[in-house]
């Protein structure tokens, strides 16, 4: 199973959460960013339907996969403050 960590960081004059190298939108307060990260982390763990997905990888190659609705990651929220 995959682990995903949402990290609360200062970003672009405000606060954001970061997953890997990707930042969320900028929030006006630390508390707002923390709340959004907790919500996103919780939603990430919810089961869904098994579906086909298409995405572009880092090498700009389009990929097709089947995403099992019950194969959800474990999430964590870490505050870098």
C-alpha atoms as a PDB file:
ATOM      1  CA  UNK A   1       0.000   0.000   0.000  1.00  0.00           C
ATOM      2  CA  UNK A   2       1.139   3.553  -0.737  1.00  0.00           C
ATOM      3  CA  UNK A   3       1.800   6.207   1.915  1.00  0.00           C
ATOM      4  CA  UNK A   4       1.074   9.842   1.023  1.00  0.00           C
ATOM      5  CA  UNK A   5       2.176  12.710   3.256  1.00  0.00           C
ATOM      6  CA  UNK A   6       0.633  16.171   3.065  1.00  0.00           C
ATOM      7  CA  UNK A   7       3.067  18.757   4.453  1.00  0.00           C
ATOM      8  CA  UNK A   8       1.934  22.232   5.565  1.00  0.00           C
ATOM      9  CA  UNK A   9       4.410  24.881   4.331  1.00  0.00           C
ATOM     10  CA  UNK A  10       4.690  28.617   3.809  1.00  0.00           C
ATOM     11  CA  UNK A  11       4.115  29.316   0.127  1.00  0.00           C
ATOM     12  CA  UNK A  12       3.615  32.306  -2.143  1.00  0.00           C
ATOM     13  CA  UNK A  13       2.843  34.799   0.629  1.00  0.00           C
ATOM     14  CA  UNK A  14       0.578  32.448   2.555  1.00  0.00           C
ATOM     15  CA  UNK A  15       0.287  28.779   3.443  1.00  0.00           C
ATOM     16  CA  UNK A  16      -0.219  25.637   1.378  1.00  0.00           C
ATOM     17  CA  UNK A  17       0.039  21.897   1.640  1.00  0.00           C
ATOM     18  CA  UNK A  18       2.528  20.008  -0.455  1.00  0.00           C
ATOM     19  CA  UNK A  19       2.501  16.424  -1.699  1.00  0.00           C
ATOM     20  CA  UNK A  20       5.816  15.458  -3.255  1.00  0.00           C
ATOM     21  CA  UNK A  21       6.813  18.418  -5.427  1.00  0.00           C
ATOM     22  CA  UNK A  22       3.242  19.647  -5.929  1.00  0.00           C
ATOM     23  CA  UNK A  23       1.724  22.552  -3.973  1.00  0.00           C
ATOM     24  CA  UNK A  24      -1.943  23.140  -3.288  1.00  0.00           C
ATOM     25  CA  UNK A  25      -3.508  26.519  -3.794  1.00  0.00           C
ATOM     26  CA  UNK A  26      -2.273  29.199  -1.398  1.00  0.00           C
ATOM     27  CA  UNK A  27      -4.374  29.763   1.727  1.00  0.00           C
ATOM     28  CA  UNK A  28      -4.385  32.986   3.758  1.00  0.00           C
ATOM     29  CA  UNK A  29      -3.654  31.252   7.067  1.00  0.00           C
ATOM     30  CA  UNK A  30      -1.820  28.267   8.456  1.00  0.00           C
ATOM     31  CA  UNK A  31      -5.067  26.986   9.970  1.00  0.00           C
ATOM     32  CA  UNK A  32      -6.876  27.117   6.600  1.00  0.00           C
ATOM     33  CA  UNK A  33      -4.078  25.157   4.895  1.00  0.00           C
ATOM     34  CA  UNK A  34      -4.028  22.582   7.696  1.00  0.00           C
ATOM     35  CA  UNK A  35      -7.798  22.138   7.506  1.00  0.00           C
ATOM     36  CA  UNK A  36      -7.654  21.720   3.703  1.00  0.00           C
ATOM     37  CA  UNK A  37      -4.813  19.184   3.963  1.00  0.00           C
ATOM     38  CA  UNK A  38      -6.731  17.122   6.524  1.00  0.00           C
ATOM     39  CA  UNK A  39      -9.811  17.173   4.292  1.00  0.00           C
ATOM     40  CA  UNK A  40      -7.811  16.168   1.184  1.00  0.00           C
ATOM     41  CA  UNK A  41      -5.978  13.415   3.089  1.00  0.00           C
ATOM     42  CA  UNK A  42      -9.272  12.023   4.353  1.00  0.00           C
ATOM     43  CA  UNK A  43     -10.836  12.060   0.899  1.00  0.00           C
ATOM     44  CA  UNK A  44      -7.782  10.307  -0.547  1.00  0.00           C
ATOM     45  CA  UNK A  45      -8.456   7.284   1.675  1.00  0.00           C
ATOM     46  CA  UNK A  46     -12.128   6.857   0.709  1.00  0.00           C
ATOM     47  CA  UNK A  47     -12.897   3.835  -1.447  1.00  0.00           C
ATOM     48  CA  UNK A  48     -14.490   4.347  -4.825  1.00  0.00           C
ATOM     49  CA  UNK A  49     -15.317   2.492  -8.008  1.00  0.00           C
ATOM     50  CA  UNK A  50     -12.794   0.540 -10.062  1.00  0.00           C
ATOM     51  CA  UNK A  51     -12.151   2.704 -13.113  1.00  0.00           C
ATOM     52  CA  UNK A  52      -9.842   3.072 -16.061  1.00  0.00           C
ATOM     53  CA  UNK A  53      -7.631   6.142 -15.819  1.00  0.00           C
ATOM     54  CA  UNK A  54      -5.460   7.984 -18.327  1.00  0.00           C
ATOM     55  CA  UNK A  55      -2.643  10.266 -17.172  1.00  0.00           C
ATOM     56  CA  UNK A  56       0.555  11.883 -18.431  1.00  0.00           C
ATOM     57  CA  UNK A  57       3.749  10.865 -16.609  1.00  0.00           C
ATOM     58  CA  UNK A  58       6.872  12.972 -15.908  1.00  0.00           C
ATOM     59  CA  UNK A  59       8.350  12.009 -19.283  1.00  0.00           C
ATOM     60  CA  UNK A  60       5.240  13.378 -21.068  1.00  0.00           C
ATOM     61  CA  UNK A  61       4.077   9.856 -21.974  1.00  0.00           C
ATOM     62  CA  UNK A  62       0.364   9.109 -21.710  1.00  0.00           C
ATOM     63  CA  UNK A  63      -0.430   6.008 -19.645  1.00  0.00           C
ATOM     64  CA  UNK A  64      -3.580   3.931 -19.215  1.00  0.00           C
ATOM     65  CA  UNK A  65      -4.253   1.909 -16.070  1.00  0.00           C
ATOM     66  CA  UNK A  66      -7.064   0.370 -14.116  1.00  0.00           C
ATOM     67  CA  UNK A  67      -7.443   1.904 -10.666  1.00  0.00           C
ATOM     68  CA  UNK A  68      -9.042  -0.451  -8.157  1.00  0.00           C
ATOM     69  CA  UNK A  69     -11.572   1.428  -6.029  1.00  0.00           C
ATOM     70  CA  UNK A  70     -10.495  -0.345  -2.867  1.00  0.00           C
ATOM     71  CA  UNK A  71      -6.722   0.186  -3.359  1.00  0.00           C
ATOM     72  CA  UNK A  72      -6.447   3.387  -1.332  1.00  0.00           C
ATOM     73  CA  UNK A  73      -3.280   4.887   0.131  1.00  0.00           C
ATOM     74  CA  UNK A  74      -2.541   5.583   3.764  1.00  0.00           C
ATOM     75  CA  UNK A  75      -2.317   9.340   4.314  1.00  0.00           C
ATOM     76  CA  UNK A  76      -0.586  11.556   6.848  1.00  0.00           C
ATOM     77  CA  UNK A  77      -0.573  15.295   7.501  1.00  0.00           C
ATOM     78  CA  UNK A  78       2.690  16.786   8.762  1.00  0.00           C
ATOM     79  CA  UNK A  79       3.053  20.360   9.922  1.00  0.00           C
ATOM     80  CA  UNK A  80       6.457  21.825   8.966  1.00  0.00           C
ATOM     81  CA  UNK A  81       5.842  24.848  11.227  1.00  0.00           C
END
